[in-house]
Amino acid sequence: MSPPLILASTSPHRRLLLERLRLPFTAVAPGVDETRSFLEPVTELVRRLSRAKAEAVAAKHPRALIIGSDQAAERNGEILGKPGGHAEAVAQLTASSGQYVKFHTGLCLLDTRDGRRQEHVDVTRIVFRRLMEPEIERYLQAEKPYDCAGSFKSEGLGISLFEGVESSDPTALIGLPLIALCRFLRDSGYSLP
């Protein structure tokens, strides 16, 4: 019998992605401080936060598999957070116009039965097309992606902002790399198609 599966996240995007696997799971808020350490590389940031989220939830859920994940967007070495509002989203998209943006998505699967930890970081590279101010306004009015790093939703209308996407796992860009997660779950005894 497979152990209970717990998603250490309050993200509705991650919940929707995990639902694709048709496995029963519970989502639990990890309550982790997501502050970046001084000069911490982006890849290490998402790896550390994914692990910290899984470990925070694992403390209260013995004999379970805990999924931790974190994502950071980076443009020319600058980390792009969630805009939180319209003006910030306009600024982010204007600055990303014609640029490359990398999305680093960390994943940690922690088996609390034996302490085994499997980790992965996916890097997705987005090429934004040249965006005009009216296009940015129309997009933001239509989708209001103010809770998304980089100010867009690739699973929605945000795809129209791109020139191209380079990725080994398209679900990583949305927030949870399902290809790696499926591999980790199979290694932990779950039967997946």
N, C-alpha and C. Protein backbone atom coordinates (compact mmCIF):
# COMPACT_ATOMS: atom_id res chain seq x y z
N MET A 1 0.85 -1.18 0.00
CA MET A 1 0.00 0.00 0.00
C MET A 1 0.89 1.24 0.00
N SER A 2 0.58 2.18 -0.87
CA SER A 2 1.37 3.40 -1.00
C SER A 2 1.12 4.32 0.18
N PRO A 3 2.16 5.03 0.63
CA PRO A 3 1.97 5.98 1.74
C PRO A 3 1.15 7.18 1.28
N PRO A 4 0.56 7.91 2.23
CA PRO A 4 -0.18 9.11 1.86
C PRO A 4 0.74 10.10 1.13
N LEU A 5 0.17 10.82 0.19
CA LEU A 5 0.90 11.80 -0.59
C LEU A 5 0.45 13.19 -0.15
N ILE A 6 1.42 14.05 0.19
CA ILE A 6 1.09 15.39 0.68
C ILE A 6 1.86 16.42 -0.13
N LEU A 7 1.15 17.41 -0.63
CA LEU A 7 1.75 18.53 -1.35
C LEU A 7 1.98 19.65 -0.35
N ALA A 8 3.23 20.02 -0.15
CA ALA A 8 3.59 21.09 0.78
C ALA A 8 3.48 22.42 0.06
N SER A 9 2.25 22.86 -0.16
CA SER A 9 2.04 24.08 -0.94
C SER A 9 0.61 24.57 -0.80
N THR A 10 0.44 25.88 -0.91
CA THR A 10 -0.89 26.47 -0.98
C THR A 10 -1.20 26.94 -2.39
N SER A 11 -0.31 26.68 -3.34
CA SER A 11 -0.47 27.14 -4.71
C SER A 11 -1.60 26.39 -5.43
N PRO A 12 -2.59 27.12 -5.94
CA PRO A 12 -3.65 26.45 -6.70
C PRO A 12 -3.11 25.88 -8.02
N HIS A 13 -2.06 26.49 -8.57
CA HIS A 13 -1.46 26.00 -9.82
C HIS A 13 -0.81 24.63 -9.59
N ARG A 14 -0.10 24.48 -8.49
CA ARG A 14 0.53 23.18 -8.18
C ARG A 14 -0.51 22.11 -7.89
N ARG A 15 -1.58 22.50 -7.20
CA ARG A 15 -2.65 21.53 -6.92
C ARG A 15 -3.26 21.01 -8.22
N LEU A 16 -3.54 21.92 -9.15
CA LEU A 16 -4.12 21.51 -10.43
C LEU A 16 -3.18 20.60 -11.20
N LEU A 17 -1.89 20.90 -11.17
CA LEU A 17 -0.93 20.03 -11.85
C LEU A 17 -0.90 18.64 -11.23
N LEU A 18 -0.83 18.57 -9.91
CA LEU A 18 -0.77 17.27 -9.24
C LEU A 18 -2.05 16.47 -9.47
N GLU A 19 -3.18 17.13 -9.60
CA GLU A 19 -4.44 16.43 -9.89
C GLU A 19 -4.38 15.67 -11.22
N ARG A 20 -3.54 16.11 -12.14
CA ARG A 20 -3.41 15.41 -13.43
C ARG A 20 -2.98 13.95 -13.25
N LEU A 21 -2.25 13.67 -12.17
CA LEU A 21 -1.75 12.30 -11.96
C LEU A 21 -2.81 11.37 -11.39
N ARG A 22 -3.96 11.92 -11.00
CA ARG A 22 -5.09 11.13 -10.51
C ARG A 22 -4.73 10.28 -9.30
N LEU A 23 -3.89 10.83 -8.46
CA LEU A 23 -3.52 10.18 -7.20
C LEU A 23 -4.14 10.97 -6.05
N PRO A 24 -4.63 10.29 -5.02
CA PRO A 24 -5.16 11.04 -3.89
C PRO A 24 -4.01 11.75 -3.15
N PHE A 25 -4.25 13.00 -2.79
CA PHE A 25 -3.24 13.76 -2.04
C PHE A 25 -3.93 14.81 -1.20
N THR A 26 -3.18 15.33 -0.25
CA THR A 26 -3.62 16.43 0.60
C THR A 26 -2.65 17.57 0.41
N ALA A 27 -3.15 18.79 0.40
CA ALA A 27 -2.28 19.97 0.32
C ALA A 27 -2.21 20.61 1.71
N VAL A 28 -0.98 20.91 2.14
CA VAL A 28 -0.74 21.49 3.46
C VAL A 28 0.18 22.70 3.30
N ALA A 29 -0.15 23.79 3.97
CA ALA A 29 0.70 24.99 3.92
C ALA A 29 2.00 24.72 4.68
N PRO A 30 3.15 24.95 4.03
CA PRO A 30 4.42 24.66 4.69
C PRO A 30 4.87 25.75 5.67
N GLY A 31 4.46 26.99 5.45
CA GLY A 31 4.85 28.07 6.36
C GLY A 31 6.35 28.30 6.43
N VAL A 32 7.00 28.38 5.27
CA VAL A 32 8.46 28.54 5.20
C VAL A 32 8.81 29.96 4.78
N ASP A 33 9.83 30.52 5.41
CA ASP A 33 10.36 31.83 5.02
C ASP A 33 11.07 31.66 3.68
N GLU A 34 10.64 32.40 2.66
CA GLU A 34 11.19 32.24 1.32
C GLU A 34 12.22 33.30 0.96
N THR A 35 12.81 33.92 1.96
CA THR A 35 13.82 34.96 1.72
C THR A 35 15.08 34.35 1.13
N ARG A 36 15.60 35.01 0.11
CA ARG A 36 16.84 34.57 -0.53
C ARG A 36 18.03 34.94 0.35
N SER A 37 18.95 34.00 0.51
CA SER A 37 20.20 34.28 1.22
C SER A 37 21.07 35.17 0.36
N PHE A 38 21.92 35.95 0.99
CA PHE A 38 22.79 36.88 0.28
C PHE A 38 23.63 36.15 -0.78
N LEU A 39 23.52 36.61 -2.02
CA LEU A 39 24.25 36.07 -3.17
C LEU A 39 23.97 34.59 -3.46
N GLU A 40 22.86 34.06 -2.95
CA GLU A 40 22.51 32.66 -3.20
C GLU A 40 22.13 32.49 -4.66
N PRO A 41 22.77 31.56 -5.38
CA PRO A 41 22.39 31.32 -6.78
C PRO A 41 20.93 30.87 -6.87
N VAL A 42 20.28 31.24 -7.95
CA VAL A 42 18.86 30.95 -8.10
C VAL A 42 18.57 29.45 -8.02
N THR A 43 19.41 28.66 -8.66
CA THR A 43 19.20 27.20 -8.63
C THR A 43 19.25 26.67 -7.19
N GLU A 44 20.19 27.17 -6.41
CA GLU A 44 20.29 26.73 -5.01
C GLU A 44 19.12 27.24 -4.18
N LEU A 45 18.63 28.44 -4.49
CA LEU A 45 17.47 28.99 -3.79
C LEU A 45 16.26 28.08 -3.94
N VAL A 46 15.92 27.70 -5.17
CA VAL A 46 14.72 26.88 -5.37
C VAL A 46 14.93 25.46 -4.83
N ARG A 47 16.16 24.96 -4.89
CA ARG A 47 16.45 23.64 -4.32
C ARG A 47 16.26 23.69 -2.79
N ARG A 48 16.83 24.72 -2.16
CA ARG A 48 16.75 24.86 -0.70
C ARG A 48 15.30 25.03 -0.25
N LEU A 49 14.55 25.90 -0.94
CA LEU A 49 13.17 26.15 -0.54
C LEU A 49 12.27 24.94 -0.77
N SER A 50 12.49 24.20 -1.84
CA SER A 50 11.71 22.98 -2.08
C SER A 50 11.93 21.98 -0.95
N ARG A 51 13.19 21.83 -0.56
CA ARG A 51 13.54 20.91 0.54
C ARG A 51 12.94 21.42 1.86
N ALA A 52 13.07 22.72 2.13
CA ALA A 52 12.56 23.29 3.38
C ALA A 52 11.05 23.12 3.50
N LYS A 53 10.33 23.30 2.39
CA LYS A 53 8.87 23.13 2.41
C LYS A 53 8.51 21.68 2.74
N ALA A 54 9.19 20.75 2.08
CA ALA A 54 8.91 19.33 2.34
C ALA A 54 9.23 18.97 3.79
N GLU A 55 10.36 19.44 4.29
CA GLU A 55 10.76 19.13 5.67
C GLU A 55 9.82 19.75 6.70
N ALA A 56 9.34 20.96 6.43
CA ALA A 56 8.41 21.61 7.36
C ALA A 56 7.12 20.82 7.52
N VAL A 57 6.61 20.30 6.42
CA VAL A 57 5.37 19.52 6.48
C VAL A 57 5.63 18.11 7.01
N ALA A 58 6.79 17.57 6.71
CA ALA A 58 7.13 16.20 7.15
C ALA A 58 7.15 16.08 8.66
N ALA A 59 7.49 17.15 9.34
CA ALA A 59 7.57 17.10 10.80
C ALA A 59 6.24 16.70 11.44
N LYS A 60 5.13 16.99 10.75
CA LYS A 60 3.80 16.68 11.30
C LYS A 60 3.13 15.50 10.60
N HIS A 61 3.82 14.89 9.63
CA HIS A 61 3.20 13.82 8.84
C HIS A 61 4.16 12.65 8.65
N PRO A 62 4.34 11.86 9.71
CA PRO A 62 5.21 10.69 9.56
C PRO A 62 4.56 9.64 8.65
N ARG A 63 5.38 8.85 8.02
CA ARG A 63 4.93 7.76 7.16
C ARG A 63 4.17 8.28 5.94
N ALA A 64 4.66 9.38 5.35
CA ALA A 64 4.04 9.96 4.16
C ALA A 64 5.11 10.35 3.16
N LEU A 65 4.68 10.59 1.94
CA LEU A 65 5.56 11.18 0.92
C LEU A 65 5.17 12.63 0.80
N ILE A 66 6.14 13.51 0.96
CA ILE A 66 5.88 14.95 0.96
C ILE A 66 6.53 15.56 -0.28
N ILE A 67 5.74 16.35 -1.03
CA ILE A 67 6.23 17.04 -2.22
C ILE A 67 6.43 18.51 -1.89
N GLY A 68 7.66 18.97 -2.04
CA GLY A 68 7.97 20.38 -1.89
C GLY A 68 8.41 20.93 -3.24
N SER A 69 8.01 22.15 -3.56
CA SER A 69 8.40 22.74 -4.83
C SER A 69 8.49 24.25 -4.67
N ASP A 70 9.38 24.85 -5.43
CA ASP A 70 9.52 26.29 -5.44
C ASP A 70 9.98 26.72 -6.82
N GLN A 71 9.68 27.97 -7.16
CA GLN A 71 10.04 28.47 -8.48
C GLN A 71 10.52 29.91 -8.39
N ALA A 72 11.52 30.22 -9.19
CA ALA A 72 12.00 31.60 -9.29
C ALA A 72 12.27 31.91 -10.76
N ALA A 73 11.89 33.12 -11.16
CA ALA A 73 12.16 33.59 -12.52
C ALA A 73 13.37 34.51 -12.46
N GLU A 74 14.19 34.43 -13.51
CA GLU A 74 15.43 35.21 -13.55
C GLU A 74 15.59 35.84 -14.93
N ARG A 75 15.84 37.14 -14.95
CA ARG A 75 16.10 37.85 -16.20
C ARG A 75 17.40 38.64 -16.02
N ASN A 76 18.40 38.29 -16.81
CA ASN A 76 19.71 38.96 -16.74
C ASN A 76 20.25 39.01 -15.31
N GLY A 77 20.10 37.90 -14.58
CA GLY A 77 20.62 37.82 -13.22
C GLY A 77 19.72 38.39 -12.15
N GLU A 78 18.63 39.04 -12.52
CA GLU A 78 17.69 39.62 -11.56
C GLU A 78 16.53 38.66 -11.34
N ILE A 79 16.20 38.40 -10.07
CA ILE A 79 15.06 37.54 -9.76
C ILE A 79 13.77 38.34 -9.88
N LEU A 80 12.82 37.78 -10.60
CA LEU A 80 11.51 38.40 -10.79
C LEU A 80 10.52 37.74 -9.84
N GLY A 81 9.95 38.50 -8.97
CA GLY A 81 8.95 37.97 -8.06
C GLY A 81 7.56 38.03 -8.64
N LYS A 82 6.59 37.74 -7.82
CA LYS A 82 5.20 37.90 -8.20
C LYS A 82 4.90 39.40 -8.16
N PRO A 83 4.29 39.94 -9.20
CA PRO A 83 4.14 41.39 -9.25
C PRO A 83 3.21 41.95 -8.18
N GLY A 84 2.14 41.24 -7.85
CA GLY A 84 1.23 41.70 -6.81
C GLY A 84 0.22 42.74 -7.26
N GLY A 85 0.49 43.45 -8.35
CA GLY A 85 -0.44 44.46 -8.82
C GLY A 85 -0.18 44.82 -10.27
N HIS A 86 -1.04 45.66 -10.79
CA HIS A 86 -1.01 45.99 -12.22
C HIS A 86 0.26 46.74 -12.62
N ALA A 87 0.62 47.79 -11.90
CA ALA A 87 1.79 48.60 -12.28
C ALA A 87 3.07 47.77 -12.29
N GLU A 88 3.22 46.90 -11.30
CA GLU A 88 4.40 46.04 -11.24
C GLU A 88 4.42 45.05 -12.39
N ALA A 89 3.25 44.52 -12.76
CA ALA A 89 3.17 43.58 -13.87
C ALA A 89 3.51 44.26 -15.19
N VAL A 90 3.04 45.49 -15.38
CA VAL A 90 3.40 46.26 -16.59
C VAL A 90 4.91 46.42 -16.66
N ALA A 91 5.52 46.79 -15.54
CA ALA A 91 6.98 46.99 -15.50
C ALA A 91 7.73 45.70 -15.82
N GLN A 92 7.28 44.56 -15.25
CA GLN A 92 7.95 43.29 -15.52
C GLN A 92 7.85 42.91 -16.98
N LEU A 93 6.66 42.98 -17.55
CA LEU A 93 6.49 42.58 -18.95
C LEU A 93 7.20 43.54 -19.90
N THR A 94 7.21 44.80 -19.58
CA THR A 94 7.93 45.77 -20.42
C THR A 94 9.42 45.45 -20.42
N ALA A 95 9.97 45.16 -19.25
CA ALA A 95 11.39 44.83 -19.15
C ALA A 95 11.72 43.48 -19.79
N SER A 96 10.75 42.56 -19.84
CA SER A 96 10.98 41.24 -20.44
C SER A 96 10.81 41.23 -21.96
N SER A 97 10.23 42.28 -22.51
CA SER A 97 10.00 42.36 -23.95
C SER A 97 11.29 42.14 -24.74
N GLY A 98 11.26 41.15 -25.63
CA GLY A 98 12.42 40.85 -26.46
C GLY A 98 13.57 40.18 -25.72
N GLN A 99 13.34 39.74 -24.50
CA GLN A 99 14.40 39.17 -23.64
C GLN A 99 14.19 37.68 -23.39
N TYR A 100 15.23 37.08 -22.83
CA TYR A 100 15.16 35.70 -22.33
C TYR A 100 14.88 35.77 -20.83
N VAL A 101 13.99 34.91 -20.37
CA VAL A 101 13.73 34.77 -18.94
C VAL A 101 13.85 33.29 -18.61
N LYS A 102 14.62 32.97 -17.57
CA LYS A 102 14.77 31.58 -17.13
C LYS A 102 13.89 31.34 -15.90
N PHE A 103 13.19 30.23 -15.92
CA PHE A 103 12.40 29.80 -14.77
C PHE A 103 13.05 28.57 -14.17
N HIS A 104 13.46 28.69 -12.92
CA HIS A 104 14.08 27.59 -12.17
C HIS A 104 12.99 27.02 -11.27
N THR A 105 12.66 25.74 -11.46
CA THR A 105 11.61 25.11 -10.67
C THR A 105 12.21 23.94 -9.91
N GLY A 106 12.21 24.07 -8.58
CA GLY A 106 12.76 23.02 -7.73
C GLY A 106 11.69 22.03 -7.31
N LEU A 107 12.14 20.81 -7.04
CA LEU A 107 11.25 19.74 -6.61
C LEU A 107 11.99 18.89 -5.58
N CYS A 108 11.30 18.57 -4.51
CA CYS A 108 11.83 17.65 -3.50
C CYS A 108 10.72 16.68 -3.13
N LEU A 109 11.02 15.39 -3.20
CA LEU A 109 10.10 14.37 -2.70
C LEU A 109 10.77 13.73 -1.49
N LEU A 110 10.18 13.93 -0.33
CA LEU A 110 10.73 13.42 0.93
C LEU A 110 9.87 12.28 1.43
N ASP A 111 10.49 11.13 1.62
CA ASP A 111 9.81 9.95 2.15
C ASP A 111 10.07 9.92 3.66
N THR A 112 9.05 10.24 4.45
CA THR A 112 9.25 10.32 5.89
C THR A 112 9.37 8.95 6.55
N ARG A 113 9.12 7.90 5.80
CA ARG A 113 9.29 6.56 6.36
C ARG A 113 10.75 6.23 6.59
N ASP A 114 11.62 6.71 5.68
CA ASP A 114 13.05 6.39 5.80
C ASP A 114 13.97 7.60 5.64
N GLY A 115 13.37 8.77 5.45
CA GLY A 115 14.17 10.00 5.31
C GLY A 115 14.77 10.21 3.94
N ARG A 116 14.47 9.31 3.01
CA ARG A 116 15.03 9.44 1.65
C ARG A 116 14.49 10.69 0.97
N ARG A 117 15.39 11.41 0.33
CA ARG A 117 15.02 12.65 -0.34
C ARG A 117 15.49 12.58 -1.79
N GLN A 118 14.55 12.85 -2.71
CA GLN A 118 14.88 12.93 -4.14
C GLN A 118 14.66 14.38 -4.57
N GLU A 119 15.66 14.94 -5.29
CA GLU A 119 15.59 16.35 -5.65
C GLU A 119 15.89 16.56 -7.13
N HIS A 120 15.31 17.64 -7.65
CA HIS A 120 15.49 17.98 -9.06
C HIS A 120 15.25 19.48 -9.23
N VAL A 121 16.00 20.10 -10.14
CA VAL A 121 15.72 21.48 -10.54
C VAL A 121 15.61 21.52 -12.05
N ASP A 122 14.48 22.01 -12.54
CA ASP A 122 14.23 22.15 -13.96
C ASP A 122 14.46 23.62 -14.34
N VAL A 123 15.10 23.84 -15.48
CA VAL A 123 15.27 25.20 -15.98
C VAL A 123 14.55 25.31 -17.33
N THR A 124 13.61 26.22 -17.38
CA THR A 124 12.85 26.50 -18.60
C THR A 124 13.25 27.89 -19.08
N ARG A 125 13.54 27.99 -20.35
CA ARG A 125 13.97 29.27 -20.92
C ARG A 125 12.85 29.79 -21.82
N ILE A 126 12.37 31.00 -21.50
CA ILE A 126 11.32 31.66 -22.27
C ILE A 126 11.95 32.75 -23.11
N VAL A 127 11.55 32.82 -24.36
CA VAL A 127 11.96 33.92 -25.22
C VAL A 127 10.71 34.77 -25.44
N PHE A 128 10.72 35.98 -24.87
CA PHE A 128 9.59 36.89 -25.06
C PHE A 128 9.72 37.58 -26.42
N ARG A 129 8.62 37.74 -27.10
CA ARG A 129 8.64 38.52 -28.33
C ARG A 129 8.62 39.99 -27.94
N ARG A 130 8.85 40.86 -28.89
CA ARG A 130 8.76 42.31 -28.62
C ARG A 130 7.31 42.65 -28.32
N LEU A 131 7.08 43.21 -27.15
CA LEU A 131 5.72 43.51 -26.71
C LEU A 131 5.47 45.01 -26.76
N MET A 132 4.36 45.39 -27.31
CA MET A 132 3.95 46.79 -27.37
C MET A 132 3.07 47.08 -26.15
N GLU A 133 3.06 48.32 -25.72
CA GLU A 133 2.30 48.72 -24.54
C GLU A 133 0.83 48.32 -24.60
N PRO A 134 0.14 48.52 -25.74
CA PRO A 134 -1.28 48.10 -25.79
C PRO A 134 -1.45 46.58 -25.64
N GLU A 135 -0.50 45.78 -26.15
CA GLU A 135 -0.58 44.32 -25.99
C GLU A 135 -0.45 43.93 -24.53
N ILE A 136 0.49 44.57 -23.85
CA ILE A 136 0.69 44.29 -22.42
C ILE A 136 -0.59 44.63 -21.65
N GLU A 137 -1.17 45.78 -21.92
CA GLU A 137 -2.41 46.19 -21.25
C GLU A 137 -3.55 45.21 -21.51
N ARG A 138 -3.73 44.83 -22.78
CA ARG A 138 -4.81 43.89 -23.11
C ARG A 138 -4.60 42.56 -22.39
N TYR A 139 -3.36 42.10 -22.40
CA TYR A 139 -3.09 40.82 -21.73
C TYR A 139 -3.38 40.91 -20.23
N LEU A 140 -2.87 41.93 -19.58
CA LEU A 140 -3.05 42.05 -18.13
C LEU A 140 -4.52 42.23 -17.76
N GLN A 141 -5.27 42.95 -18.56
CA GLN A 141 -6.70 43.12 -18.30
C GLN A 141 -7.45 41.79 -18.47
N ALA A 142 -7.01 40.99 -19.43
CA ALA A 142 -7.69 39.72 -19.69
C ALA A 142 -7.39 38.66 -18.64
N GLU A 143 -6.12 38.59 -18.19
CA GLU A 143 -5.74 37.46 -17.34
C GLU A 143 -5.37 37.82 -15.90
N LYS A 144 -4.96 39.04 -15.65
CA LYS A 144 -4.60 39.51 -14.30
C LYS A 144 -3.67 38.51 -13.58
N PRO A 145 -2.48 38.27 -14.13
CA PRO A 145 -1.56 37.27 -13.56
C PRO A 145 -0.70 37.83 -12.43
N TYR A 146 -1.30 38.54 -11.51
CA TYR A 146 -0.54 39.25 -10.48
C TYR A 146 0.04 38.33 -9.40
N ASP A 147 -0.38 37.08 -9.39
CA ASP A 147 0.17 36.12 -8.42
C ASP A 147 1.17 35.18 -9.07
N CYS A 148 1.68 35.53 -10.26
CA CYS A 148 2.59 34.66 -11.01
C CYS A 148 3.93 35.36 -11.24
N ALA A 149 5.01 34.69 -10.89
CA ALA A 149 6.34 35.23 -11.16
C ALA A 149 6.49 35.49 -12.65
N GLY A 150 6.96 36.66 -13.01
CA GLY A 150 7.12 37.01 -14.42
C GLY A 150 5.91 37.67 -15.03
N SER A 151 4.79 37.69 -14.31
CA SER A 151 3.56 38.38 -14.74
C SER A 151 2.85 37.73 -15.92
N PHE A 152 2.85 36.41 -16.00
CA PHE A 152 2.09 35.75 -17.06
C PHE A 152 1.71 34.34 -16.62
N LYS A 153 0.73 33.77 -17.32
CA LYS A 153 0.32 32.38 -17.13
C LYS A 153 0.50 31.68 -18.46
N SER A 154 1.52 30.85 -18.55
CA SER A 154 1.80 30.15 -19.81
C SER A 154 0.71 29.17 -20.17
N GLU A 155 -0.03 28.68 -19.18
CA GLU A 155 -1.10 27.73 -19.45
C GLU A 155 -2.35 28.43 -19.96
N GLY A 156 -2.32 29.75 -20.01
CA GLY A 156 -3.45 30.53 -20.51
C GLY A 156 -3.02 31.42 -21.67
N LEU A 157 -3.55 32.62 -21.67
CA LEU A 157 -3.29 33.58 -22.73
C LEU A 157 -1.83 34.06 -22.75
N GLY A 158 -1.13 33.88 -21.66
CA GLY A 158 0.28 34.30 -21.58
C GLY A 158 1.16 33.69 -22.64
N ILE A 159 0.77 32.55 -23.17
CA ILE A 159 1.55 31.89 -24.23
C ILE A 159 1.67 32.80 -25.45
N SER A 160 0.74 33.72 -25.63
CA SER A 160 0.77 34.63 -26.79
C SER A 160 1.89 35.67 -26.68
N LEU A 161 2.52 35.77 -25.53
CA LEU A 161 3.60 36.74 -25.31
C LEU A 161 4.96 36.20 -25.74
N PHE A 162 5.02 34.91 -26.08
CA PHE A 162 6.31 34.25 -26.29
C PHE A 162 6.68 34.13 -27.76
N GLU A 163 7.97 34.12 -27.97
CA GLU A 163 8.56 33.77 -29.26
C GLU A 163 8.90 32.28 -29.25
N GLY A 164 9.25 31.77 -28.05
CA GLY A 164 9.59 30.36 -27.94
C GLY A 164 9.77 29.94 -26.49
N VAL A 165 9.75 28.62 -26.28
CA VAL A 165 9.95 28.03 -24.96
C VAL A 165 10.91 26.85 -25.13
N GLU A 166 11.94 26.81 -24.30
CA GLU A 166 12.89 25.70 -24.30
C GLU A 166 12.79 25.00 -22.95
N SER A 167 12.34 23.74 -22.97
CA SER A 167 12.13 23.03 -21.71
C SER A 167 12.11 21.53 -21.95
N SER A 168 12.54 20.79 -20.95
CA SER A 168 12.40 19.34 -21.01
C SER A 168 11.10 18.88 -20.34
N ASP A 169 10.40 19.81 -19.67
CA ASP A 169 9.15 19.48 -18.99
C ASP A 169 8.24 20.70 -18.97
N PRO A 170 7.23 20.75 -19.83
CA PRO A 170 6.37 21.94 -19.91
C PRO A 170 5.60 22.23 -18.62
N THR A 171 5.39 21.24 -17.77
CA THR A 171 4.65 21.49 -16.52
C THR A 171 5.51 22.25 -15.51
N ALA A 172 6.82 22.20 -15.66
CA ALA A 172 7.70 22.91 -14.72
C ALA A 172 7.44 24.41 -14.78
N LEU A 173 7.18 24.94 -15.95
CA LEU A 173 6.93 26.36 -16.10
C LEU A 173 5.68 26.79 -15.33
N ILE A 174 4.72 25.91 -15.21
CA ILE A 174 3.48 26.22 -14.47
C ILE A 174 3.72 26.11 -12.97
N GLY A 175 4.75 25.35 -12.55
CA GLY A 175 5.08 25.34 -11.13
C GLY A 175 5.40 24.00 -10.50
N LEU A 176 5.26 22.89 -11.23
CA LEU A 176 5.56 21.58 -10.65
C LEU A 176 6.02 20.65 -11.76
N PRO A 177 7.31 20.26 -11.78
CA PRO A 177 7.81 19.40 -12.86
C PRO A 177 7.30 17.96 -12.73
N LEU A 178 6.22 17.67 -13.44
CA LEU A 178 5.56 16.37 -13.30
C LEU A 178 6.37 15.21 -13.84
N ILE A 179 7.19 15.44 -14.86
CA ILE A 179 7.99 14.33 -15.40
C ILE A 179 8.94 13.80 -14.33
N ALA A 180 9.66 14.70 -13.67
CA ALA A 180 10.57 14.29 -12.59
C ALA A 180 9.78 13.72 -11.42
N LEU A 181 8.65 14.34 -11.08
CA LEU A 181 7.85 13.85 -9.96
C LEU A 181 7.36 12.43 -10.23
N CYS A 182 6.91 12.15 -11.44
CA CYS A 182 6.46 10.78 -11.77
C CYS A 182 7.60 9.78 -11.59
N ARG A 183 8.78 10.15 -12.02
CA ARG A 183 9.95 9.27 -11.84
C ARG A 183 10.20 9.02 -10.35
N PHE A 184 10.15 10.09 -9.55
CA PHE A 184 10.37 9.95 -8.10
C PHE A 184 9.29 9.08 -7.46
N LEU A 185 8.04 9.28 -7.86
CA LEU A 185 6.94 8.49 -7.29
C LEU A 185 7.06 7.02 -7.65
N ARG A 186 7.42 6.72 -8.91
CA ARG A 186 7.63 5.31 -9.29
C ARG A 186 8.75 4.70 -8.47
N ASP A 187 9.83 5.45 -8.25
CA ASP A 187 10.94 4.96 -7.42
C ASP A 187 10.51 4.73 -5.98
N SER A 188 9.43 5.38 -5.56
CA SER A 188 8.94 5.24 -4.19
C SER A 188 7.80 4.25 -4.07
N GLY A 189 7.50 3.54 -5.16
CA GLY A 189 6.51 2.47 -5.10
C GLY A 189 5.13 2.79 -5.62
N TYR A 190 4.92 3.98 -6.16
CA TYR A 190 3.63 4.31 -6.74
C TYR A 190 3.53 3.72 -8.14
N SER A 191 2.35 3.24 -8.49
CA SER A 191 2.10 2.73 -9.83
C SER A 191 1.48 3.84 -10.66
N LEU A 192 2.19 4.28 -11.66
CA LEU A 192 1.67 5.30 -12.58
C LEU A 192 1.65 4.71 -13.98
N PRO A 193 0.68 5.14 -14.80
CA PRO A 193 0.63 4.58 -16.16
C PRO A 193 1.95 4.73 -16.90
